[in-house]
Amino acid sequence: MEFTTVLFYVFSAILVLAAIRVITESNPVHAALFLVLSFCSAAALWMLLKAEFLSIVLILVYVGAVMVLFLFVVMMVDIKLTKLREGFWGYLPLAATIGVVIVLEMAAVLFRGFWRSHTQVPEVSSTIGNAKELGKLIYTDYLYAFEIAAVLLLVGMIAAVALTMRKRKDSKYFAPGDAVRVKASDRLRVVKMKADSARANGDSPAAPAAEQK
């Protein structure tokens, strides 16, 4: 058995175990960490298949951005686990049926490939995972689709920033321009006050008071 085959079985076992722990773990933070582990194992499998671009994209996009963001949201938001588990047994038959159908479809695809004794791999497929060849296709044949996707992502980023900058009643908001243009004289004003009855009683006179705006 070759060393790459051993690595394939090792990463596959880690991927299957991590995926099972994702759906069986009661703590959402631990489930998210197991999902990160499953993504890393899948990226290693892609690397073994010489699809380095898909492997790096899986690490950068899903593990480095999506899952880290999801993990921060889970840790910062107070999630009520009891409310999430409501109706679990009611959806279990439908979920089990869909899972069995997916397993049968994947088994049919795999067994169909194993039944063939002589499988010929096309020569074009040898460059599918090559980042250089993929870059040529993106910037030549699929240039307009790539630019449209970039514009959509830019609009999504602007919309996300605009939603966070909106004025809400339950949050304190101030204009950043007003904070930049503020001066020291606008923040502090010294007010001179007349002496009160404390001088007549022999106490110390009242000191000038500073009024905060």
N, C-alpha and C. Protein backbone atom coordinates (compact mmCIF):
# COMPACT_ATOMS: atom_id res chain seq x y z
N MET A 1 0.85 -1.20 0.00
CA MET A 1 0.00 0.00 0.00
C MET A 1 0.88 1.25 0.00
N GLU A 2 0.58 2.19 -0.86
CA GLU A 2 1.37 3.40 -0.96
C GLU A 2 1.09 4.34 0.22
N PHE A 3 2.03 5.27 0.39
CA PHE A 3 1.90 6.20 1.52
C PHE A 3 0.74 7.16 1.31
N THR A 4 0.48 7.57 0.06
CA THR A 4 -0.66 8.45 -0.21
C THR A 4 -1.99 7.76 0.09
N THR A 5 -2.04 6.45 -0.15
CA THR A 5 -3.27 5.71 0.17
C THR A 5 -3.50 5.66 1.68
N VAL A 6 -2.42 5.48 2.42
CA VAL A 6 -2.54 5.49 3.89
C VAL A 6 -3.03 6.86 4.38
N LEU A 7 -2.47 7.93 3.82
CA LEU A 7 -2.93 9.27 4.20
C LEU A 7 -4.39 9.49 3.84
N PHE A 8 -4.80 8.94 2.70
CA PHE A 8 -6.20 9.09 2.29
C PHE A 8 -7.13 8.45 3.31
N TYR A 9 -6.82 7.24 3.76
CA TYR A 9 -7.67 6.57 4.73
C TYR A 9 -7.63 7.27 6.09
N VAL A 10 -6.48 7.80 6.46
CA VAL A 10 -6.37 8.50 7.74
C VAL A 10 -7.22 9.77 7.75
N PHE A 11 -7.06 10.59 6.71
CA PHE A 11 -7.83 11.84 6.65
C PHE A 11 -9.32 11.56 6.45
N SER A 12 -9.65 10.48 5.74
CA SER A 12 -11.06 10.13 5.57
C SER A 12 -11.69 9.72 6.90
N ALA A 13 -10.95 8.95 7.71
CA ALA A 13 -11.46 8.55 9.02
C ALA A 13 -11.65 9.76 9.92
N ILE A 14 -10.69 10.68 9.89
CA ILE A 14 -10.82 11.91 10.69
C ILE A 14 -12.02 12.73 10.23
N LEU A 15 -12.22 12.80 8.92
CA LEU A 15 -13.35 13.57 8.38
C LEU A 15 -14.69 12.97 8.80
N VAL A 16 -14.80 11.66 8.73
CA VAL A 16 -16.06 11.00 9.11
C VAL A 16 -16.34 11.18 10.60
N LEU A 17 -15.33 10.99 11.43
CA LEU A 17 -15.52 11.14 12.88
C LEU A 17 -15.85 12.58 13.25
N ALA A 18 -15.18 13.54 12.62
CA ALA A 18 -15.46 14.94 12.92
C ALA A 18 -16.86 15.33 12.46
N ALA A 19 -17.30 14.81 11.31
CA ALA A 19 -18.65 15.12 10.84
C ALA A 19 -19.71 14.53 11.77
N ILE A 20 -19.44 13.34 12.29
CA ILE A 20 -20.39 12.74 13.24
C ILE A 20 -20.46 13.56 14.53
N ARG A 21 -19.31 14.04 14.99
CA ARG A 21 -19.29 14.84 16.21
C ARG A 21 -19.97 16.20 16.02
N VAL A 22 -19.99 16.70 14.78
CA VAL A 22 -20.66 17.98 14.52
C VAL A 22 -22.15 17.89 14.82
N ILE A 23 -22.76 16.78 14.41
CA ILE A 23 -24.22 16.65 14.58
C ILE A 23 -24.61 16.01 15.91
N THR A 24 -23.66 15.43 16.61
CA THR A 24 -23.97 14.81 17.91
C THR A 24 -23.52 15.63 19.10
N GLU A 25 -22.68 16.63 18.90
CA GLU A 25 -22.18 17.43 20.01
C GLU A 25 -23.27 18.38 20.49
N SER A 26 -23.45 18.43 21.80
CA SER A 26 -24.48 19.29 22.39
C SER A 26 -24.04 20.74 22.49
N ASN A 27 -22.75 20.96 22.67
CA ASN A 27 -22.22 22.32 22.78
C ASN A 27 -22.00 22.89 21.37
N PRO A 28 -22.61 24.03 21.03
CA PRO A 28 -22.45 24.57 19.67
C PRO A 28 -21.02 25.01 19.36
N VAL A 29 -20.28 25.46 20.38
CA VAL A 29 -18.89 25.87 20.15
C VAL A 29 -18.03 24.66 19.78
N HIS A 30 -18.21 23.56 20.49
CA HIS A 30 -17.48 22.35 20.17
C HIS A 30 -17.88 21.80 18.80
N ALA A 31 -19.16 21.92 18.47
CA ALA A 31 -19.61 21.48 17.15
C ALA A 31 -18.96 22.30 16.04
N ALA A 32 -18.83 23.61 16.26
CA ALA A 32 -18.17 24.45 15.26
C ALA A 32 -16.69 24.09 15.12
N LEU A 33 -16.04 23.78 16.23
CA LEU A 33 -14.63 23.38 16.16
C LEU A 33 -14.46 22.04 15.43
N PHE A 34 -15.37 21.12 15.66
CA PHE A 34 -15.32 19.86 14.92
C PHE A 34 -15.59 20.08 13.43
N LEU A 35 -16.42 21.05 13.10
CA LEU A 35 -16.65 21.37 11.70
C LEU A 35 -15.40 21.96 11.05
N VAL A 36 -14.65 22.76 11.80
CA VAL A 36 -13.36 23.25 11.29
C VAL A 36 -12.41 22.09 11.04
N LEU A 37 -12.39 21.11 11.95
CA LEU A 37 -11.54 19.94 11.75
C LEU A 37 -11.95 19.14 10.52
N SER A 38 -13.25 19.02 10.29
CA SER A 38 -13.71 18.31 9.10
C SER A 38 -13.34 19.05 7.83
N PHE A 39 -13.39 20.37 7.84
CA PHE A 39 -12.99 21.15 6.67
C PHE A 39 -11.48 20.97 6.39
N CYS A 40 -10.69 20.97 7.44
CA CYS A 40 -9.25 20.77 7.26
C CYS A 40 -8.95 19.38 6.71
N SER A 41 -9.66 18.38 7.16
CA SER A 41 -9.47 17.02 6.64
C SER A 41 -9.88 16.94 5.18
N ALA A 42 -10.99 17.59 4.83
CA ALA A 42 -11.41 17.60 3.43
C ALA A 42 -10.41 18.34 2.55
N ALA A 43 -9.83 19.42 3.08
CA ALA A 43 -8.79 20.13 2.32
C ALA A 43 -7.57 19.25 2.10
N ALA A 44 -7.21 18.44 3.09
CA ALA A 44 -6.09 17.51 2.92
C ALA A 44 -6.39 16.47 1.84
N LEU A 45 -7.63 16.01 1.79
CA LEU A 45 -8.02 15.06 0.75
C LEU A 45 -7.95 15.70 -0.64
N TRP A 46 -8.38 16.95 -0.74
CA TRP A 46 -8.25 17.65 -2.01
C TRP A 46 -6.80 17.80 -2.42
N MET A 47 -5.94 18.03 -1.45
CA MET A 47 -4.51 18.16 -1.75
C MET A 47 -3.92 16.84 -2.24
N LEU A 48 -4.38 15.74 -1.67
CA LEU A 48 -3.92 14.43 -2.14
C LEU A 48 -4.39 14.14 -3.56
N LEU A 49 -5.54 14.69 -3.94
CA LEU A 49 -6.06 14.51 -5.30
C LEU A 49 -5.47 15.53 -6.28
N LYS A 50 -4.47 16.29 -5.84
CA LYS A 50 -3.78 17.28 -6.68
C LYS A 50 -4.71 18.42 -7.10
N ALA A 51 -5.65 18.72 -6.27
CA ALA A 51 -6.53 19.88 -6.48
C ALA A 51 -6.17 20.93 -5.44
N GLU A 52 -4.99 21.51 -5.62
CA GLU A 52 -4.47 22.42 -4.59
C GLU A 52 -5.29 23.70 -4.49
N PHE A 53 -5.87 24.15 -5.59
CA PHE A 53 -6.66 25.38 -5.53
C PHE A 53 -7.91 25.18 -4.68
N LEU A 54 -8.63 24.09 -4.89
CA LEU A 54 -9.81 23.81 -4.08
C LEU A 54 -9.45 23.62 -2.61
N SER A 55 -8.30 23.01 -2.36
CA SER A 55 -7.87 22.81 -0.98
C SER A 55 -7.59 24.14 -0.27
N ILE A 56 -6.87 25.02 -0.95
CA ILE A 56 -6.53 26.31 -0.35
C ILE A 56 -7.77 27.17 -0.17
N VAL A 57 -8.68 27.13 -1.16
CA VAL A 57 -9.92 27.90 -1.05
C VAL A 57 -10.77 27.40 0.10
N LEU A 58 -10.81 26.11 0.30
CA LEU A 58 -11.58 25.54 1.42
C LEU A 58 -11.03 26.02 2.76
N ILE A 59 -9.71 26.12 2.87
CA ILE A 59 -9.10 26.60 4.11
C ILE A 59 -9.33 28.09 4.30
N LEU A 60 -9.08 28.88 3.25
CA LEU A 60 -9.16 30.33 3.38
C LEU A 60 -10.59 30.82 3.54
N VAL A 61 -11.51 30.29 2.73
CA VAL A 61 -12.87 30.81 2.72
C VAL A 61 -13.68 30.25 3.88
N TYR A 62 -13.73 28.92 4.00
CA TYR A 62 -14.61 28.31 4.99
C TYR A 62 -13.99 28.30 6.39
N VAL A 63 -12.77 27.85 6.49
CA VAL A 63 -12.14 27.79 7.82
C VAL A 63 -11.68 29.17 8.26
N GLY A 64 -11.06 29.92 7.38
CA GLY A 64 -10.49 31.21 7.77
C GLY A 64 -11.48 32.34 7.90
N ALA A 65 -12.64 32.23 7.25
CA ALA A 65 -13.59 33.34 7.26
C ALA A 65 -14.95 32.91 7.79
N VAL A 66 -15.60 31.98 7.11
CA VAL A 66 -16.98 31.64 7.45
C VAL A 66 -17.06 31.00 8.84
N MET A 67 -16.23 29.99 9.08
CA MET A 67 -16.33 29.27 10.35
C MET A 67 -15.85 30.11 11.53
N VAL A 68 -14.83 30.93 11.32
CA VAL A 68 -14.37 31.81 12.40
C VAL A 68 -15.46 32.83 12.75
N LEU A 69 -16.11 33.38 11.72
CA LEU A 69 -17.21 34.31 11.97
C LEU A 69 -18.36 33.61 12.69
N PHE A 70 -18.69 32.41 12.23
CA PHE A 70 -19.77 31.66 12.88
C PHE A 70 -19.42 31.33 14.33
N LEU A 71 -18.15 31.01 14.58
CA LEU A 71 -17.73 30.70 15.94
C LEU A 71 -17.82 31.91 16.84
N PHE A 72 -17.44 33.07 16.35
CA PHE A 72 -17.55 34.29 17.14
C PHE A 72 -19.01 34.62 17.42
N VAL A 73 -19.88 34.42 16.43
CA VAL A 73 -21.30 34.69 16.64
C VAL A 73 -21.88 33.75 17.69
N VAL A 74 -21.51 32.48 17.63
CA VAL A 74 -22.01 31.51 18.59
C VAL A 74 -21.53 31.85 20.00
N MET A 75 -20.28 32.29 20.12
CA MET A 75 -19.73 32.58 21.44
C MET A 75 -20.27 33.90 22.01
N MET A 76 -20.60 34.86 21.15
CA MET A 76 -21.05 36.16 21.63
C MET A 76 -22.56 36.22 21.84
N VAL A 77 -23.32 35.44 21.08
CA VAL A 77 -24.78 35.47 21.19
C VAL A 77 -25.20 34.42 22.22
N ASP A 78 -26.14 34.81 23.05
CA ASP A 78 -26.67 33.89 24.07
C ASP A 78 -27.68 32.96 23.41
N ILE A 79 -27.23 31.77 23.03
CA ILE A 79 -28.08 30.81 22.34
C ILE A 79 -28.73 29.89 23.38
N LYS A 80 -30.03 29.78 23.32
CA LYS A 80 -30.76 28.90 24.21
C LYS A 80 -30.87 27.52 23.57
N LEU A 81 -30.12 26.58 24.12
CA LEU A 81 -30.08 25.24 23.53
C LEU A 81 -31.40 24.52 23.67
N THR A 82 -32.11 24.77 24.74
CA THR A 82 -33.40 24.09 24.93
C THR A 82 -34.40 24.50 23.85
N LYS A 83 -34.35 25.76 23.44
CA LYS A 83 -35.26 26.21 22.40
C LYS A 83 -34.88 25.63 21.05
N LEU A 84 -33.57 25.45 20.81
CA LEU A 84 -33.14 24.88 19.54
C LEU A 84 -33.51 23.41 19.42
N ARG A 85 -33.55 22.73 20.54
CA ARG A 85 -33.84 21.30 20.50
C ARG A 85 -35.33 20.98 20.47
N GLU A 86 -36.16 22.01 20.52
CA GLU A 86 -37.60 21.77 20.48
C GLU A 86 -38.00 21.22 19.11
N GLY A 87 -38.80 20.18 19.10
CA GLY A 87 -39.25 19.59 17.85
C GLY A 87 -38.24 18.71 17.16
N PHE A 88 -37.19 18.27 17.89
CA PHE A 88 -36.15 17.45 17.28
C PHE A 88 -36.71 16.10 16.83
N TRP A 89 -37.46 15.45 17.71
CA TRP A 89 -37.99 14.13 17.38
C TRP A 89 -39.08 14.21 16.31
N GLY A 90 -39.69 15.35 16.16
CA GLY A 90 -40.69 15.49 15.12
C GLY A 90 -40.09 15.53 13.72
N TYR A 91 -38.89 16.15 13.61
CA TYR A 91 -38.21 16.23 12.32
C TYR A 91 -37.29 15.04 12.06
N LEU A 92 -37.13 14.17 13.04
CA LEU A 92 -36.20 13.06 12.88
C LEU A 92 -36.57 12.10 11.74
N PRO A 93 -37.82 11.70 11.56
CA PRO A 93 -38.12 10.79 10.44
C PRO A 93 -37.80 11.39 9.07
N LEU A 94 -38.14 12.65 8.86
CA LEU A 94 -37.84 13.30 7.58
C LEU A 94 -36.33 13.42 7.37
N ALA A 95 -35.60 13.81 8.43
CA ALA A 95 -34.14 13.94 8.31
C ALA A 95 -33.49 12.59 8.06
N ALA A 96 -33.97 11.55 8.72
CA ALA A 96 -33.41 10.21 8.49
C ALA A 96 -33.68 9.72 7.08
N THR A 97 -34.86 10.01 6.55
CA THR A 97 -35.18 9.60 5.17
C THR A 97 -34.27 10.29 4.16
N ILE A 98 -34.07 11.60 4.35
CA ILE A 98 -33.19 12.34 3.44
C ILE A 98 -31.76 11.84 3.56
N GLY A 99 -31.31 11.53 4.79
CA GLY A 99 -29.96 11.00 4.97
C GLY A 99 -29.77 9.66 4.29
N VAL A 100 -30.77 8.79 4.38
CA VAL A 100 -30.66 7.48 3.72
C VAL A 100 -30.62 7.63 2.21
N VAL A 101 -31.42 8.54 1.66
CA VAL A 101 -31.40 8.77 0.21
C VAL A 101 -30.03 9.28 -0.25
N ILE A 102 -29.44 10.20 0.52
CA ILE A 102 -28.12 10.71 0.15
C ILE A 102 -27.06 9.62 0.22
N VAL A 103 -27.13 8.78 1.26
CA VAL A 103 -26.16 7.68 1.37
C VAL A 103 -26.31 6.69 0.21
N LEU A 104 -27.54 6.39 -0.19
CA LEU A 104 -27.75 5.48 -1.32
C LEU A 104 -27.25 6.07 -2.63
N GLU A 105 -27.46 7.36 -2.82
CA GLU A 105 -26.95 7.99 -4.04
C GLU A 105 -25.42 7.97 -4.09
N MET A 106 -24.78 8.30 -2.98
CA MET A 106 -23.31 8.26 -2.95
C MET A 106 -22.79 6.84 -3.12
N ALA A 107 -23.47 5.87 -2.52
CA ALA A 107 -23.04 4.48 -2.67
C ALA A 107 -23.19 4.01 -4.11
N ALA A 108 -24.27 4.45 -4.79
CA ALA A 108 -24.45 4.07 -6.19
C ALA A 108 -23.34 4.64 -7.07
N VAL A 109 -22.95 5.89 -6.80
CA VAL A 109 -21.87 6.50 -7.58
C VAL A 109 -20.55 5.78 -7.33
N LEU A 110 -20.26 5.48 -6.06
CA LEU A 110 -18.99 4.84 -5.73
C LEU A 110 -18.93 3.40 -6.26
N PHE A 111 -19.97 2.65 -6.05
CA PHE A 111 -19.95 1.25 -6.51
C PHE A 111 -19.92 1.16 -8.03
N ARG A 112 -20.51 2.13 -8.69
CA ARG A 112 -20.46 2.11 -10.15
C ARG A 112 -19.03 2.32 -10.64
N GLY A 113 -18.28 3.15 -9.92
CA GLY A 113 -16.87 3.33 -10.30
C GLY A 113 -16.02 2.13 -9.94
N PHE A 114 -16.35 1.43 -8.84
CA PHE A 114 -15.56 0.26 -8.46
C PHE A 114 -15.84 -0.95 -9.35
N TRP A 115 -17.03 -1.00 -9.93
CA TRP A 115 -17.37 -2.15 -10.76
C TRP A 115 -16.60 -2.15 -12.08
N ARG A 116 -16.18 -0.98 -12.52
CA ARG A 116 -15.43 -0.91 -13.77
C ARG A 116 -14.00 -1.35 -13.54
N SER A 117 -13.57 -2.31 -14.31
CA SER A 117 -12.21 -2.82 -14.14
C SER A 117 -11.18 -1.90 -14.78
N HIS A 118 -11.51 -1.31 -15.91
CA HIS A 118 -10.57 -0.43 -16.60
C HIS A 118 -11.24 0.93 -16.78
N THR A 119 -10.78 1.86 -16.00
CA THR A 119 -11.31 3.21 -16.06
C THR A 119 -10.27 4.12 -16.69
N GLN A 120 -10.64 4.78 -17.76
CA GLN A 120 -9.73 5.68 -18.45
C GLN A 120 -10.00 7.11 -18.01
N VAL A 121 -8.96 7.76 -17.56
CA VAL A 121 -9.06 9.14 -17.11
C VAL A 121 -8.72 10.05 -18.28
N PRO A 122 -9.60 10.97 -18.66
CA PRO A 122 -9.29 11.87 -19.77
C PRO A 122 -8.07 12.72 -19.47
N GLU A 123 -7.38 13.11 -20.52
CA GLU A 123 -6.17 13.91 -20.34
C GLU A 123 -6.48 15.32 -19.85
N VAL A 124 -7.67 15.81 -20.20
CA VAL A 124 -8.02 17.17 -19.78
C VAL A 124 -8.17 17.26 -18.27
N SER A 125 -8.61 16.19 -17.63
CA SER A 125 -8.85 16.21 -16.19
C SER A 125 -7.58 16.29 -15.37
N SER A 126 -6.43 16.11 -16.00
CA SER A 126 -5.17 16.16 -15.25
C SER A 126 -4.82 17.58 -14.82
N THR A 127 -5.45 18.60 -15.44
CA THR A 127 -5.17 19.99 -15.11
C THR A 127 -6.33 20.67 -14.39
N ILE A 128 -7.30 19.88 -13.90
CA ILE A 128 -8.47 20.49 -13.26
C ILE A 128 -8.07 21.21 -11.98
N GLY A 129 -7.23 20.58 -11.19
CA GLY A 129 -6.85 21.18 -9.92
C GLY A 129 -5.71 22.17 -10.01
N ASN A 130 -5.17 22.41 -11.18
CA ASN A 130 -4.05 23.32 -11.34
C ASN A 130 -4.55 24.75 -11.24
N ALA A 131 -3.95 25.53 -10.35
CA ALA A 131 -4.39 26.91 -10.17
C ALA A 131 -4.09 27.77 -11.39
N LYS A 132 -3.02 27.46 -12.09
CA LYS A 132 -2.66 28.23 -13.28
C LYS A 132 -3.70 28.05 -14.38
N GLU A 133 -4.08 26.81 -14.64
CA GLU A 133 -5.08 26.54 -15.67
C GLU A 133 -6.44 27.11 -15.28
N LEU A 134 -6.78 27.02 -14.01
CA LEU A 134 -8.05 27.57 -13.55
C LEU A 134 -8.07 29.09 -13.66
N GLY A 135 -6.94 29.73 -13.37
CA GLY A 135 -6.85 31.18 -13.54
C GLY A 135 -6.99 31.61 -14.98
N LYS A 136 -6.43 30.84 -15.91
CA LYS A 136 -6.60 31.16 -17.33
C LYS A 136 -8.06 31.09 -17.74
N LEU A 137 -8.79 30.06 -17.25
CA LEU A 137 -10.20 29.94 -17.61
C LEU A 137 -11.03 31.08 -17.01
N ILE A 138 -10.72 31.46 -15.77
CA ILE A 138 -11.50 32.50 -15.12
C ILE A 138 -11.33 33.84 -15.82
N TYR A 139 -10.10 34.18 -16.21
CA TYR A 139 -9.83 35.49 -16.79
C TYR A 139 -9.92 35.51 -18.30
N THR A 140 -10.39 34.44 -18.92
CA THR A 140 -10.60 34.43 -20.37
C THR A 140 -12.05 34.07 -20.70
N ASP A 141 -12.43 32.82 -20.48
CA ASP A 141 -13.77 32.37 -20.85
C ASP A 141 -14.85 32.83 -19.87
N TYR A 142 -14.51 32.92 -18.59
CA TYR A 142 -15.50 33.27 -17.57
C TYR A 142 -15.19 34.62 -16.93
N LEU A 143 -14.67 35.56 -17.71
CA LEU A 143 -14.29 36.85 -17.16
C LEU A 143 -15.50 37.65 -16.70
N TYR A 144 -16.55 37.70 -17.51
CA TYR A 144 -17.74 38.49 -17.15
C TYR A 144 -18.44 37.89 -15.93
N ALA A 145 -18.53 36.58 -15.86
CA ALA A 145 -19.14 35.96 -14.68
C ALA A 145 -18.31 36.24 -13.42
N PHE A 146 -16.99 36.24 -13.55
CA PHE A 146 -16.12 36.54 -12.42
C PHE A 146 -16.30 37.99 -11.96
N GLU A 147 -16.42 38.92 -12.91
CA GLU A 147 -16.61 40.32 -12.55
C GLU A 147 -17.98 40.55 -11.92
N ILE A 148 -19.01 39.87 -12.42
CA ILE A 148 -20.35 40.01 -11.82
C ILE A 148 -20.34 39.49 -10.38
N ALA A 149 -19.66 38.36 -10.17
CA ALA A 149 -19.57 37.82 -8.81
C ALA A 149 -18.82 38.79 -7.89
N ALA A 150 -17.77 39.43 -8.40
CA ALA A 150 -17.03 40.40 -7.59
C ALA A 150 -17.90 41.60 -7.23
N VAL A 151 -18.70 42.07 -8.18
CA VAL A 151 -19.59 43.21 -7.90
C VAL A 151 -20.65 42.83 -6.86
N LEU A 152 -21.20 41.64 -6.97
CA LEU A 152 -22.19 41.18 -5.99
C LEU A 152 -21.60 41.10 -4.59
N LEU A 153 -20.37 40.59 -4.49
CA LEU A 153 -19.71 40.52 -3.18
C LEU A 153 -19.44 41.92 -2.62
N LEU A 154 -19.06 42.85 -3.50
CA LEU A 154 -18.82 44.23 -3.06
C LEU A 154 -20.11 44.87 -2.56
N VAL A 155 -21.22 44.64 -3.25
CA VAL A 155 -22.51 45.17 -2.82
C VAL A 155 -22.91 44.56 -1.47
N GLY A 156 -22.65 43.26 -1.30
CA GLY A 156 -22.95 42.62 -0.03
C GLY A 156 -22.14 43.21 1.12
N MET A 157 -20.86 43.49 0.88
CA MET A 157 -20.02 44.11 1.92
C MET A 157 -20.53 45.50 2.28
N ILE A 158 -20.88 46.29 1.26
CA ILE A 158 -21.38 47.65 1.53
C ILE A 158 -22.71 47.59 2.29
N ALA A 159 -23.57 46.64 1.92
CA ALA A 159 -24.84 46.51 2.62
C ALA A 159 -24.65 46.10 4.07
N ALA A 160 -23.68 45.20 4.34
CA ALA A 160 -23.41 44.79 5.72
C ALA A 160 -22.91 45.96 6.55
N VAL A 161 -22.03 46.78 5.98
CA VAL A 161 -21.53 47.95 6.71
C VAL A 161 -22.66 48.96 6.93
N ALA A 162 -23.51 49.15 5.92
CA ALA A 162 -24.62 50.09 6.06
C ALA A 162 -25.61 49.64 7.13
N LEU A 163 -25.83 48.34 7.24
CA LEU A 163 -26.76 47.85 8.27
C LEU A 163 -26.21 48.06 9.67
N THR A 164 -24.90 47.95 9.84
CA THR A 164 -24.32 48.17 11.16
C THR A 164 -24.25 49.64 11.53
N MET A 165 -24.26 50.53 10.54
CA MET A 165 -24.15 51.96 10.81
C MET A 165 -25.50 52.66 10.94
N ARG A 166 -26.59 51.93 10.84
CA ARG A 166 -27.91 52.56 10.91
C ARG A 166 -28.20 53.01 12.34
N LYS A 167 -29.06 54.00 12.46
CA LYS A 167 -29.44 54.53 13.77
C LYS A 167 -30.55 53.68 14.36
N ARG A 168 -30.36 53.27 15.59
CA ARG A 168 -31.34 52.48 16.30
C ARG A 168 -31.67 53.15 17.64
N LYS A 169 -32.85 52.87 18.14
CA LYS A 169 -33.26 53.48 19.40
C LYS A 169 -32.56 52.85 20.60
N ASP A 170 -32.18 51.58 20.48
CA ASP A 170 -31.59 50.89 21.62
C ASP A 170 -30.08 51.01 21.68
N SER A 171 -29.47 51.83 20.83
CA SER A 171 -28.03 51.99 20.84
C SER A 171 -27.68 53.47 20.76
N LYS A 172 -26.58 53.84 21.37
CA LYS A 172 -26.12 55.22 21.34
C LYS A 172 -25.34 55.48 20.05
N TYR A 173 -25.69 56.52 19.35
CA TYR A 173 -25.08 56.82 18.06
C TYR A 173 -24.58 58.26 18.06
N PHE A 174 -23.43 58.48 17.50
CA PHE A 174 -22.91 59.81 17.33
C PHE A 174 -22.23 59.88 15.96
N ALA A 175 -22.24 61.08 15.41
CA ALA A 175 -21.64 61.28 14.09
C ALA A 175 -20.12 61.32 14.22
N PRO A 176 -19.37 60.52 13.49
CA PRO A 176 -17.91 60.57 13.58
C PRO A 176 -17.34 61.92 13.19
N GLY A 177 -17.99 62.64 12.26
CA GLY A 177 -17.49 63.95 11.86
C GLY A 177 -17.55 64.96 12.99
N ASP A 178 -18.60 64.89 13.80
CA ASP A 178 -18.71 65.80 14.94
C ASP A 178 -17.62 65.50 15.99
N ALA A 179 -17.29 64.23 16.18
CA ALA A 179 -16.24 63.87 17.14
C ALA A 179 -14.87 64.34 16.68
N VAL A 180 -14.64 64.38 15.37
CA VAL A 180 -13.34 64.84 14.85
C VAL A 180 -13.21 66.35 14.95
N ARG A 181 -14.30 67.05 14.71
CA ARG A 181 -14.25 68.52 14.71
C ARG A 181 -14.36 69.15 16.09
N VAL A 182 -14.48 68.38 17.15
CA VAL A 182 -14.67 68.92 18.48
C VAL A 182 -13.39 69.60 18.97
N LYS A 183 -13.55 70.64 19.79
CA LYS A 183 -12.43 71.38 20.37
C LYS A 183 -12.48 71.28 21.89
N ALA A 184 -11.36 71.68 22.51
CA ALA A 184 -11.29 71.61 23.97
C ALA A 184 -12.28 72.57 24.62
N SER A 185 -12.50 73.72 23.98
CA SER A 185 -13.44 74.69 24.54
C SER A 185 -14.89 74.21 24.46
N ASP A 186 -15.16 73.29 23.56
CA ASP A 186 -16.51 72.76 23.47
C ASP A 186 -16.81 71.71 24.53
N ARG A 187 -15.79 71.12 25.09
CA ARG A 187 -15.98 70.05 26.07
C ARG A 187 -15.98 70.56 27.52
N LEU A 188 -15.22 71.63 27.83
CA LEU A 188 -15.06 72.09 29.21
C LEU A 188 -15.27 73.59 29.28
N ARG A 189 -16.02 74.00 30.24
CA ARG A 189 -16.26 75.42 30.46
C ARG A 189 -16.17 75.73 31.95
N VAL A 190 -15.34 76.69 32.31
CA VAL A 190 -15.15 77.10 33.71
C VAL A 190 -16.17 78.18 34.05
N VAL A 191 -16.91 77.94 35.10
CA VAL A 191 -17.97 78.86 35.51
C VAL A 191 -17.59 79.47 36.86
N LYS A 192 -17.59 80.79 36.97
CA LYS A 192 -17.32 81.47 38.23
C LYS A 192 -18.63 81.66 38.99
N MET A 193 -18.61 81.24 40.25
CA MET A 193 -19.82 81.31 41.06
C MET A 193 -19.61 82.28 42.22
N LYS A 194 -20.68 82.92 42.62
CA LYS A 194 -20.60 83.85 43.75
C LYS A 194 -20.51 83.08 45.05
N ALA A 195 -19.95 83.76 46.08
CA ALA A 195 -19.83 83.13 47.39
C ALA A 195 -21.21 82.97 48.00
N ASP A 196 -21.37 81.86 48.67
CA ASP A 196 -22.67 81.59 49.29
C ASP A 196 -22.56 81.74 50.80
N SER A 197 -23.47 81.17 51.51
CA SER A 197 -23.51 81.32 52.97
C SER A 197 -22.39 80.57 53.67
N ALA A 198 -21.61 79.76 52.94
CA ALA A 198 -20.53 79.03 53.60
C ALA A 198 -19.47 79.95 54.13
N ARG A 199 -19.24 81.14 53.47
CA ARG A 199 -18.24 82.09 53.96
C ARG A 199 -18.68 82.68 55.29
N ALA A 200 -19.95 82.91 55.43
CA ALA A 200 -20.43 83.50 56.69
C ALA A 200 -20.27 82.55 57.86
N ASN A 201 -20.31 81.24 57.60
CA ASN A 201 -20.16 80.24 58.67
C ASN A 201 -18.71 79.90 58.96
N GLY A 202 -17.77 80.55 58.29
CA GLY A 202 -16.37 80.29 58.53
C GLY A 202 -15.78 79.16 57.69
N ASP A 203 -16.55 78.58 56.77
CA ASP A 203 -16.02 77.55 55.91
C ASP A 203 -15.22 78.16 54.78
N SER A 204 -14.51 77.30 54.08
CA SER A 204 -13.74 77.78 52.93
C SER A 204 -14.64 78.22 51.83
N PRO A 205 -14.28 79.24 51.09
CA PRO A 205 -15.14 79.72 50.00
C PRO A 205 -15.25 78.65 48.91
N ALA A 206 -16.33 78.75 48.21
CA ALA A 206 -16.58 77.76 47.13
C ALA A 206 -15.60 77.99 46.01
N ALA A 207 -14.99 76.90 45.53
CA ALA A 207 -14.05 76.97 44.42
C ALA A 207 -14.82 77.05 43.11
N PRO A 208 -14.19 77.61 42.11
CA PRO A 208 -14.85 77.63 40.78
C PRO A 208 -15.16 76.22 40.32
N ALA A 209 -16.33 76.04 39.84
CA ALA A 209 -16.75 74.70 39.42
C ALA A 209 -16.60 74.56 37.92
N ALA A 210 -16.32 73.34 37.51
CA ALA A 210 -16.18 73.03 36.08
C ALA A 210 -17.43 72.30 35.64
N GLU A 211 -18.00 72.78 34.60
CA GLU A 211 -19.24 72.19 34.09
C GLU A 211 -18.92 71.39 32.84
N GLN A 212 -19.33 70.14 32.85
CA GLN A 212 -19.13 69.28 31.68
C GLN A 212 -20.32 69.42 30.74
N LYS A 213 -20.04 69.47 29.50
CA LYS A 213 -21.11 69.50 28.52
C LYS A 213 -21.54 68.10 28.22
